C-alpha atoms as a PDB file:
ATOM      1  CA  MET A   1     -14.940   3.573   6.092  1.00  0.00           C
ATOM      2  CA  MET A   2     -11.404   4.706   5.690  1.00  0.00           C
ATOM      3  CA  ARG A   3     -12.568   7.909   3.812  1.00  0.00           C
ATOM      4  CA  LEU A   4     -14.688   8.772   6.889  1.00  0.00           C
ATOM      5  CA  VAL A   5     -11.998   8.122   9.320  1.00  0.00           C
ATOM      6  CA  PHE A   6      -9.551  10.207   7.062  1.00  0.00           C
ATOM      7  CA  VAL A   7     -12.019  13.099   6.984  1.00  0.00           C
ATOM      8  CA  LEU A   8     -12.793  12.855  10.795  1.00  0.00           C
ATOM      9  CA  LEU A   9      -9.123  12.957  11.676  1.00  0.00           C
ATOM     10  CA  ALA A  10      -8.389  15.725   9.421  1.00  0.00           C
ATOM     11  CA  GLY A  11     -10.971  17.908  11.087  1.00  0.00           C
ATOM     12  CA  LEU A  12      -9.863  17.109  14.627  1.00  0.00           C
ATOM     13  CA  VAL A  13      -6.205  17.762  13.763  1.00  0.00           C
ATOM     14  CA  LEU A  14      -6.972  21.077  12.185  1.00  0.00           C
ATOM     15  CA  ALA A  15      -9.004  21.980  15.175  1.00  0.00           C
ATOM     16  CA  GLY A  16      -5.904  21.627  17.172  1.00  0.00           C
ATOM     17  CA  CYS A  17      -4.008  23.828  14.633  1.00  0.00           C
ATOM     18  CA  ALA A  18      -6.247  26.862  15.062  1.00  0.00           C
ATOM     19  CA  THR A  19      -5.015  29.565  17.337  1.00  0.00           C
ATOM     20  CA  SER A  20      -6.019  33.200  17.786  1.00  0.00           C
ATOM     21  CA  GLY A  21      -2.795  34.877  18.953  1.00  0.00           C
ATOM     22  CA  VAL A  22      -0.161  36.481  16.927  1.00  0.00           C
ATOM     23  CA  ASP A  23       3.452  35.312  17.450  1.00  0.00           C
ATOM     24  CA  PRO A  24       6.171  37.668  16.650  1.00  0.00           C
ATOM     25  CA  LEU A  25       8.489  34.737  16.071  1.00  0.00           C
ATOM     26  CA  ALA A  26       6.140  33.082  13.571  1.00  0.00           C
ATOM     27  CA  PRO A  27       7.416  32.099  10.291  1.00  0.00           C
ATOM     28  CA  LYS A  28       7.355  34.777   7.594  1.00  0.00           C
ATOM     29  CA  THR A  29       4.818  34.387   4.776  1.00  0.00           C
ATOM     30  CA  VAL A  30       5.060  35.625   1.101  1.00  0.00           C
ATOM     31  CA  ASN A  31       2.744  38.603   1.858  1.00  0.00           C
ATOM     32  CA  SER A  32       0.704  38.002  -1.310  1.00  0.00           C
ATOM     33  CA  VAL A  33      -0.347  34.912  -3.399  1.00  0.00           C
ATOM     34  CA  ASN A  34      -1.933  35.206  -6.710  1.00  0.00           C
ATOM     35  CA  LEU A  35      -4.765  32.702  -6.093  1.00  0.00           C
ATOM     36  CA  LYS A  36      -5.581  32.439  -9.813  1.00  0.00           C
ATOM     37  CA  ARG A  37      -1.957  31.267 -10.569  1.00  0.00           C
ATOM     38  CA  TYR A  38      -1.826  29.180  -7.327  1.00  0.00           C
ATOM     39  CA  GLN A  39      -4.930  27.181  -8.250  1.00  0.00           C
ATOM     40  CA  GLY A  40      -4.488  23.814  -9.835  1.00  0.00           C
ATOM     41  CA  THR A  41      -2.755  20.585  -8.774  1.00  0.00           C
ATOM     42  CA  TRP A  42       0.065  20.532  -6.318  1.00  0.00           C
ATOM     43  CA  TYR A  43       2.004  17.363  -5.425  1.00  0.00           C
ATOM     44  CA  GLU A  44       3.274  16.902  -1.962  1.00  0.00           C
ATOM     45  CA  LEU A  45       7.103  16.191  -2.207  1.00  0.00           C
ATOM     46  CA  ALA A  46       7.522  16.025   1.609  1.00  0.00           C
ATOM     47  CA  ARG A  47       5.705  16.772   4.834  1.00  0.00           C
ATOM     48  CA  LEU A  48       6.246  16.902   8.418  1.00  0.00           C
ATOM     49  CA  PRO A  49       4.451  14.065  10.242  1.00  0.00           C
ATOM     50  CA  MET A  50       0.663  14.674  10.595  1.00  0.00           C
ATOM     51  CA  TYR A  51      -1.730  12.273  12.073  1.00  0.00           C
ATOM     52  CA  PHE A  52      -4.369  12.220   9.490  1.00  0.00           C
ATOM     53  CA  GLN A  53      -1.743  11.660   6.725  1.00  0.00           C
ATOM     54  CA  ARG A  54      -0.011   8.757   8.628  1.00  0.00           C
ATOM     55  CA  ASN A  55      -1.006   6.185   5.852  1.00  0.00           C
ATOM     56  CA  CYS A  56      -0.292   8.491   2.839  1.00  0.00           C
ATOM     57  CA  ALA A  57       2.487   7.341   0.639  1.00  0.00           C
ATOM     58  CA  GLN A  58       1.697   9.944  -2.171  1.00  0.00           C
ATOM     59  CA  SER A  59      -0.492  13.046  -1.566  1.00  0.00           C
ATOM     60  CA  GLU A  60      -1.752  15.820  -3.868  1.00  0.00           C
ATOM     61  CA  ALA A  61      -3.978  18.837  -3.502  1.00  0.00           C
ATOM     62  CA  HIS A  62      -6.156  20.436  -6.027  1.00  0.00           C
ATOM     63  CA  TYR A  63      -7.208  24.111  -5.494  1.00  0.00           C
ATOM     64  CA  THR A  64      -9.929  25.943  -7.333  1.00  0.00           C
ATOM     65  CA  LEU A  65     -10.589  29.647  -7.131  1.00  0.00           C
ATOM     66  CA  LYS A  66     -14.296  30.300  -6.423  1.00  0.00           C
ATOM     67  CA  PRO A  67     -16.232  33.341  -7.519  1.00  0.00           C
ATOM     68  CA  ASP A  68     -16.436  34.565  -3.940  1.00  0.00           C
ATOM     69  CA  GLY A  69     -12.558  34.716  -3.643  1.00  0.00           C
ATOM     70  CA  ASN A  70     -12.354  31.682  -1.516  1.00  0.00           C
ATOM     71  CA  VAL A  71     -10.527  28.525  -2.680  1.00  0.00           C
ATOM     72  CA  GLY A  72     -11.967  25.041  -3.064  1.00  0.00           C
ATOM     73  CA  VAL A  73      -9.629  22.323  -1.607  1.00  0.00           C
ATOM     74  CA  PHE A  74      -9.674  18.808  -2.787  1.00  0.00           C
ATOM     75  CA  ASN A  75      -6.966  16.765  -1.001  1.00  0.00           C
ATOM     76  CA  ARG A  76      -6.318  13.161  -1.808  1.00  0.00           C
ATOM     77  CA  CYS A  77      -3.676  10.590  -0.898  1.00  0.00           C
ATOM     78  CA  LEU A  78      -2.646   7.172  -2.144  1.00  0.00           C
ATOM     79  CA  THR A  79      -1.957   4.729   0.571  1.00  0.00           C
ATOM     80  CA  SER A  80       0.624   2.071   0.316  1.00  0.00           C
ATOM     81  CA  ASP A  81      -2.411  -0.391  -0.105  1.00  0.00           C
ATOM     82  CA  TRP A  82      -3.229   1.634  -3.274  1.00  0.00           C
ATOM     83  CA  GLN A  83      -6.313   3.138  -1.729  1.00  0.00           C
ATOM     84  CA  TRP A  84      -7.443   6.745  -2.390  1.00  0.00           C
ATOM     85  CA  GLU A  85      -8.466   8.762   0.713  1.00  0.00           C
ATOM     86  CA  GLU A  86      -9.976  12.116   0.050  1.00  0.00           C
ATOM     87  CA  ALA A  87     -11.098  15.345   1.838  1.00  0.00           C
ATOM     88  CA  ARG A  88     -12.788  18.340   0.481  1.00  0.00           C
ATOM     89  CA  GLY A  89     -12.840  21.918   2.060  1.00  0.00           C
ATOM     90  CA  THR A  90     -12.584  25.443   1.704  1.00  0.00           C
ATOM     91  CA  ALA A  91      -9.792  27.963   2.263  1.00  0.00           C
ATOM     92  CA  THR A  92     -10.550  31.585   3.209  1.00  0.00           C
ATOM     93  CA  PRO A  93      -8.295  34.517   3.809  1.00  0.00           C
ATOM     94  CA  GLN A  94      -7.595  35.132   7.646  1.00  0.00           C
ATOM     95  CA  VAL A  95      -7.564  38.891   6.886  1.00  0.00           C
ATOM     96  CA  PRO A  96      -9.817  40.087   4.076  1.00  0.00           C
ATOM     97  CA  GLY A  97      -7.809  40.977   1.084  1.00  0.00           C
ATOM     98  CA  LYS A  98      -4.696  39.082   2.188  1.00  0.00           C
ATOM     99  CA  THR A  99      -3.895  35.690   0.470  1.00  0.00           C
ATOM    100  CA  ASP A 100      -0.798  34.493   2.201  1.00  0.00           C
ATOM    101  CA  LYS A 101      -2.487  33.264   5.381  1.00  0.00           C
ATOM    102  CA  LEU A 102      -5.657  31.173   4.873  1.00  0.00           C
ATOM    103  CA  TRP A 103      -7.983  29.187   7.121  1.00  0.00           C
ATOM    104  CA  VAL A 104      -8.753  25.865   5.753  1.00  0.00           C
ATOM    105  CA  GLU A 105     -11.997  24.098   6.839  1.00  0.00           C
ATOM    106  CA  PHE A 106     -12.761  20.580   5.557  1.00  0.00           C
ATOM    107  CA  ASP A 107     -16.317  19.547   4.784  1.00  0.00           C
ATOM    108  CA  ASN A 108     -16.949  16.829   7.416  1.00  0.00           C
ATOM    109  CA  TRP A 109     -19.536  16.002   9.997  1.00  0.00           C
ATOM    110  CA  PHE A 110     -17.826  17.762  12.726  1.00  0.00           C
ATOM    111  CA  SER A 111     -17.443  21.100  10.754  1.00  0.00           C
ATOM    112  CA  ARG A 112     -21.234  20.917   9.945  1.00  0.00           C
ATOM    113  CA  ILE A 113     -22.067  20.476  13.580  1.00  0.00           C
ATOM    114  CA  VAL A 114     -19.736  23.215  14.910  1.00  0.00           C
ATOM    115  CA  PRO A 115     -18.960  25.458  11.974  1.00  0.00           C
ATOM    116  CA  GLY A 116     -15.704  27.489  12.192  1.00  0.00           C
ATOM    117  CA  VAL A 117     -14.067  25.397  15.049  1.00  0.00           C
ATOM    118  CA  ALA A 118     -12.286  22.761  13.042  1.00  0.00           C
ATOM    119  CA  LYS A 119     -10.182  25.086  10.839  1.00  0.00           C
ATOM    120  CA  GLY A 120      -6.354  24.939  10.301  1.00  0.00           C
ATOM    121  CA  GLN A 121      -3.928  27.697   9.381  1.00  0.00           C
ATOM    122  CA  TYR A 122      -2.491  27.323   5.885  1.00  0.00           C
ATOM    123  CA  TRP A 123       0.404  29.856   5.566  1.00  0.00           C
ATOM    124  CA  VAL A 124       2.161  30.194   2.233  1.00  0.00           C
ATOM    125  CA  LEU A 125       5.805  30.578   3.239  1.00  0.00           C
ATOM    126  CA  TYR A 126       7.324  30.501  -0.180  1.00  0.00           C
ATOM    127  CA  VAL A 127       6.115  30.270  -3.749  1.00  0.00           C
ATOM    128  CA  SER A 128       8.480  30.395  -6.776  1.00  0.00           C
ATOM    129  CA  ASP A 129       8.059  33.073  -9.203  1.00  0.00           C
ATOM    130  CA  ASP A 130       6.829  30.649 -11.670  1.00  0.00           C
ATOM    131  CA  TYR A 131       4.374  29.149  -9.358  1.00  0.00           C
ATOM    132  CA  LYS A 132       6.022  25.618  -9.760  1.00  0.00           C
ATOM    133  CA  THR A 133       7.096  25.141  -6.218  1.00  0.00           C
ATOM    134  CA  ALA A 134       5.752  26.221  -2.695  1.00  0.00           C
ATOM    135  CA  ILE A 135       6.306  25.760   0.948  1.00  0.00           C
ATOM    136  CA  VAL A 136       3.141  25.881   3.182  1.00  0.00           C
ATOM    137  CA  GLY A 137       3.154  25.583   6.902  1.00  0.00           C
ATOM    138  CA  ASP A 138       1.456  26.761  10.212  1.00  0.00           C
ATOM    139  CA  PRO A 139       2.756  29.175  12.648  1.00  0.00           C
ATOM    140  CA  SER A 140       3.533  26.617  15.226  1.00  0.00           C
ATOM    141  CA  ARG A 141       5.976  24.912  12.879  1.00  0.00           C
ATOM    142  CA  ARG A 142       4.413  21.537  13.724  1.00  0.00           C
ATOM    143  CA  TYR A 143       3.137  21.193  10.206  1.00  0.00           C
ATOM    144  CA  MET A 144       4.859  21.975   6.763  1.00  0.00           C
ATOM    145  CA  TRP A 145       4.638  20.764   3.368  1.00  0.00           C
ATOM    146  CA  LEU A 146       6.932  21.166   0.290  1.00  0.00           C
ATOM    147  CA  LEU A 147       4.926  21.243  -2.769  1.00  0.00           C
ATOM    148  CA  SER A 148       5.536  21.077  -6.614  1.00  0.00           C
ATOM    149  CA  ARG A 149       3.521  20.996  -9.772  1.00  0.00           C
ATOM    150  CA  THR A 150       5.248  17.808 -10.564  1.00  0.00           C
ATOM    151  CA  PRO A 151       5.634  14.582  -8.389  1.00  0.00           C
ATOM    152  CA  THR A 152       9.481  14.938  -8.323  1.00  0.00           C
ATOM    153  CA  VAL A 153      12.031  17.767  -8.630  1.00  0.00           C
ATOM    154  CA  ASN A 154      15.574  17.867  -9.325  1.00  0.00           C
ATOM    155  CA  SER A 155      18.164  17.935  -6.500  1.00  0.00           C
ATOM    156  CA  VAL A 156      18.942  21.599  -6.896  1.00  0.00           C
ATOM    157  CA  VAL A 157      15.296  22.639  -6.382  1.00  0.00           C
ATOM    158  CA  ARG A 158      14.992  19.985  -3.504  1.00  0.00           C
ATOM    159  CA  GLU A 159      17.965  21.655  -1.626  1.00  0.00           C
ATOM    160  CA  GLU A 160      16.463  25.058  -2.310  1.00  0.00           C
ATOM    161  CA  LEU A 161      13.205  24.103  -0.672  1.00  0.00           C
ATOM    162  CA  LEU A 162      14.901  22.491   2.181  1.00  0.00           C
ATOM    163  CA  SER A 163      17.178  25.504   2.886  1.00  0.00           C
ATOM    164  CA  LYS A 164      14.190  27.913   2.676  1.00  0.00           C
ATOM    165  CA  ALA A 165      12.235  25.704   5.183  1.00  0.00           C
ATOM    166  CA  ARG A 166      15.171  25.453   7.565  1.00  0.00           C
ATOM    167  CA  GLN A 167      15.650  29.335   7.487  1.00  0.00           C
ATOM    168  CA  GLN A 168      12.088  29.557   8.606  1.00  0.00           C
ATOM    169  CA  GLY A 169      12.667  27.297  11.523  1.00  0.00           C
ATOM    170  CA  TYR A 170      11.219  24.075  10.383  1.00  0.00           C
ATOM    171  CA  ASP A 171      12.989  20.765  11.379  1.00  0.00           C
ATOM    172  CA  THR A 172      13.577  19.207   7.937  1.00  0.00           C
ATOM    173  CA  THR A 173      15.185  16.097   9.433  1.00  0.00           C
ATOM    174  CA  ARG A 174      11.791  14.889  10.335  1.00  0.00           C
ATOM    175  CA  LEU A 175      10.310  15.071   6.752  1.00  0.00           C
ATOM    176  CA  ILE A 176       8.349  12.342   5.219  1.00  0.00           C
ATOM    177  CA  TRP A 177       9.122  12.157   1.633  1.00  0.00           C
ATOM    178  CA  ARG A 178       6.713  11.123  -1.125  1.00  0.00           C
ATOM    179  CA  ALA A 179       7.026   7.459  -2.133  1.00  0.00           C
ATOM    180  CA  SER A 180       8.238   7.006  -5.648  1.00  0.00           C
ATOM    181  CA  ASP A 181       6.147   4.975  -8.032  1.00  0.00           C
ATOM    182  CA  ARG A 182       8.906   2.311  -7.895  1.00  0.00           C
ATOM    183  CA  GLN A 183       8.552   2.022  -4.091  1.00  0.00           C
ATOM    184  CA  MET A 184       4.791   1.839  -4.461  1.00  0.00           C
ATOM    185  CA  ALA A 185       5.160  -0.962  -7.002  1.00  0.00           C
ATOM    186  CA  LYS A 186       7.409  -2.964  -4.702  1.00  0.00           C
ATOM    187  CA  THR A 187       4.838  -2.729  -1.790  1.00  0.00           C
ATOM    188  CA  SER A 188       2.236  -4.252  -3.939  1.00  0.00           C
ATOM    189  CA  ASP A 189       4.208  -7.251  -4.948  1.00  0.00           C
END
């Protein structure tokens, strides 16, 4: 039941994120993402509050490059009750041939009934040269994720990501940080 609720809410939130206008003050993207290097597992270090992730203590995303050039998306989060919530979807370029601005549509009942309506903007704002850290957001600056190939990063990398997010106009004081394994263990006691 929780999985159904998670997928439903993800679709509804993403529907609210979809816009058609171009904002000259929108955050700057990286211009190009090597999707082959970008695929794989990314751990969420921190995020701005998002309704469908409200119960998530630890989240991760798994991206797979498809033969058609789109990206398969498998998101999952571990709640503080030690339950996994999952959502699958597809990311497609907003502009053919450009890989820094993607539409993400999750596979749920709503997107099957009304295809193309419940899609969210996934803008790659930063990716390190070694593809080990990234910042993803949306043009409204309501949503943003700090991502890493590892569940934790050192303080220097953390501060670099925060600085880059602030330079893009994101409110980093509202970030929700990934719960550590130690914090998760304490909640289960």
